[in-house]
């Protein structure tokens, strides 16, 4: 029996209020870390979804 609910990884949390200094000169910025984590999450989530589809 296969599970019809897709596996969902925990999505990264964006930086909270006050975590970014908003000066535009930080390199890397907390948003850079977030966007990198989000990209990795999307790739892993896509791979899991594809594996689940292949298993059906």
N, C-alpha and C. Protein backbone atom coordinates (compact mmCIF):
# COMPACT_ATOMS: atom_id res chain seq x y z
N UNK A 1 0.84 -1.18 0.00
CA UNK A 1 0.00 0.00 0.00
C UNK A 1 0.89 1.24 0.00
N UNK A 2 0.61 2.17 -0.90
CA UNK A 2 1.41 3.38 -0.98
C UNK A 2 0.68 4.53 -0.30
N UNK A 3 1.44 5.44 0.22
CA UNK A 3 0.91 6.63 0.89
C UNK A 3 0.69 7.70 -0.16
N UNK A 4 -0.52 8.23 -0.25
CA UNK A 4 -0.83 9.25 -1.25
C UNK A 4 -0.42 10.65 -0.81
N UNK A 5 -0.01 10.81 0.44
CA UNK A 5 0.43 12.12 0.92
C UNK A 5 1.90 12.31 0.62
N UNK A 6 2.23 13.38 -0.10
CA UNK A 6 3.65 13.60 -0.41
C UNK A 6 4.45 13.92 0.84
N UNK A 7 5.68 13.51 0.83
CA UNK A 7 6.59 13.80 1.93
C UNK A 7 6.92 15.29 1.89
N UNK A 8 6.79 15.95 3.02
CA UNK A 8 7.07 17.37 3.09
C UNK A 8 8.21 17.62 4.08
N UNK A 9 9.30 18.14 3.59
CA UNK A 9 10.40 18.55 4.46
C UNK A 9 10.04 19.89 5.09
N UNK A 10 10.64 20.16 6.22
CA UNK A 10 10.38 21.45 6.87
C UNK A 10 11.04 22.56 6.06
N UNK A 11 10.24 23.52 5.67
CA UNK A 11 10.71 24.64 4.85
C UNK A 11 11.53 25.59 5.71
N UNK A 12 12.64 26.12 5.18
CA UNK A 12 13.44 27.08 5.95
C UNK A 12 12.61 28.30 6.34
N UNK A 13 12.93 28.85 7.47
CA UNK A 13 12.24 30.02 7.98
C UNK A 13 13.01 31.27 7.57
N UNK A 14 12.31 32.24 6.99
CA UNK A 14 13.01 33.48 6.61
C UNK A 14 13.49 34.22 7.85
N UNK A 15 14.49 35.07 7.67
CA UNK A 15 14.98 35.86 8.80
C UNK A 15 13.84 36.67 9.42
N UNK A 16 13.89 36.80 10.72
CA UNK A 16 12.86 37.56 11.43
C UNK A 16 13.13 39.05 11.37
N UNK A 17 12.15 39.78 11.85
CA UNK A 17 12.30 41.23 11.93
C UNK A 17 13.54 41.57 12.76
N UNK A 18 14.34 42.45 12.25
CA UNK A 18 15.53 42.89 12.98
C UNK A 18 16.76 42.03 12.77
N UNK A 19 16.63 40.89 12.07
CA UNK A 19 17.80 40.05 11.82
C UNK A 19 18.66 40.60 10.69
N UNK A 20 18.05 41.35 9.81
CA UNK A 20 18.79 41.98 8.70
C UNK A 20 18.99 43.45 9.07
N UNK A 21 20.21 43.93 8.87
CA UNK A 21 20.50 45.32 9.23
C UNK A 21 20.00 46.29 8.16
N UNK A 22 19.64 45.76 6.98
CA UNK A 22 19.10 46.54 5.87
C UNK A 22 20.03 47.66 5.40
N UNK A 23 21.32 47.49 5.65
CA UNK A 23 22.28 48.50 5.19
C UNK A 23 22.70 48.27 3.74
N UNK A 24 22.53 47.03 3.27
CA UNK A 24 22.91 46.71 1.91
C UNK A 24 24.39 46.47 1.71
N UNK A 25 25.16 46.50 2.79
CA UNK A 25 26.60 46.30 2.65
C UNK A 25 27.09 44.98 3.23
N UNK A 26 26.23 44.24 3.92
CA UNK A 26 26.63 42.96 4.50
C UNK A 26 26.83 41.94 3.39
N UNK A 27 27.93 41.25 3.45
CA UNK A 27 28.21 40.22 2.46
C UNK A 27 28.90 39.06 3.15
N UNK A 28 28.21 37.98 3.42
CA UNK A 28 26.84 37.68 3.02
C UNK A 28 25.84 38.23 4.03
N UNK A 29 24.65 38.43 3.55
CA UNK A 29 23.52 38.90 4.36
C UNK A 29 22.76 37.68 4.89
N UNK A 30 22.00 37.85 5.95
CA UNK A 30 21.19 36.75 6.45
C UNK A 30 20.23 36.25 5.38
N UNK A 31 19.80 37.15 4.48
CA UNK A 31 18.92 36.74 3.39
C UNK A 31 19.64 35.84 2.40
N UNK A 32 20.95 36.05 2.21
CA UNK A 32 21.74 35.17 1.33
C UNK A 32 21.71 33.74 1.85
N UNK A 33 21.88 33.60 3.17
CA UNK A 33 21.84 32.26 3.78
C UNK A 33 20.46 31.64 3.62
N UNK A 34 19.44 32.44 3.85
CA UNK A 34 18.07 31.94 3.72
C UNK A 34 17.80 31.47 2.29
N UNK A 35 18.15 32.28 1.30
CA UNK A 35 17.87 31.91 -0.09
C UNK A 35 18.65 30.66 -0.51
N UNK A 36 19.85 30.49 0.02
CA UNK A 36 20.61 29.27 -0.27
C UNK A 36 19.93 28.05 0.35
N UNK A 37 19.50 28.18 1.60
CA UNK A 37 18.78 27.08 2.26
C UNK A 37 17.48 26.77 1.54
N UNK A 38 16.77 27.81 1.09
CA UNK A 38 15.52 27.63 0.38
C UNK A 38 15.74 26.90 -0.95
N UNK A 39 16.80 27.25 -1.64
CA UNK A 39 17.12 26.57 -2.90
C UNK A 39 17.41 25.09 -2.66
N UNK A 40 18.20 24.80 -1.62
CA UNK A 40 18.51 23.41 -1.29
C UNK A 40 17.25 22.66 -0.88
N UNK A 41 16.36 23.31 -0.13
CA UNK A 41 15.10 22.70 0.27
C UNK A 41 14.26 22.36 -0.96
N UNK A 42 14.18 23.29 -1.91
CA UNK A 42 13.38 23.05 -3.12
C UNK A 42 13.92 21.87 -3.91
N UNK A 43 15.23 21.77 -4.02
CA UNK A 43 15.85 20.66 -4.75
C UNK A 43 15.53 19.33 -4.06
N UNK A 44 15.75 19.27 -2.74
CA UNK A 44 15.48 18.03 -2.00
C UNK A 44 14.01 17.67 -2.05
N UNK A 45 13.13 18.66 -1.91
CA UNK A 45 11.70 18.40 -1.95
C UNK A 45 11.30 17.87 -3.32
N UNK A 46 11.85 18.43 -4.36
CA UNK A 46 11.56 17.99 -5.72
C UNK A 46 12.04 16.55 -5.93
N UNK A 47 13.22 16.23 -5.42
CA UNK A 47 13.74 14.87 -5.54
C UNK A 47 12.85 13.88 -4.80
N UNK A 48 12.41 14.23 -3.60
CA UNK A 48 11.53 13.35 -2.83
C UNK A 48 10.21 13.13 -3.55
N UNK A 49 9.65 14.19 -4.12
CA UNK A 49 8.40 14.08 -4.85
C UNK A 49 8.57 13.18 -6.07
N UNK A 50 9.69 13.30 -6.76
CA UNK A 50 9.95 12.48 -7.94
C UNK A 50 10.10 11.01 -7.52
N UNK A 51 10.81 10.77 -6.42
CA UNK A 51 10.96 9.39 -5.94
C UNK A 51 9.62 8.79 -5.57
N UNK A 52 8.78 9.57 -4.95
CA UNK A 52 7.46 9.08 -4.56
C UNK A 52 6.62 8.76 -5.81
N UNK A 53 6.72 9.60 -6.83
CA UNK A 53 5.98 9.33 -8.07
C UNK A 53 6.49 8.06 -8.74
N UNK A 54 7.80 7.83 -8.69
CA UNK A 54 8.39 6.64 -9.29
C UNK A 54 7.96 5.37 -8.56
N UNK A 55 7.70 5.50 -7.26
CA UNK A 55 7.33 4.35 -6.45
C UNK A 55 5.87 3.93 -6.68
N UNK A 56 5.09 4.79 -7.30
CA UNK A 56 3.66 4.46 -7.52
C UNK A 56 3.48 3.49 -8.65
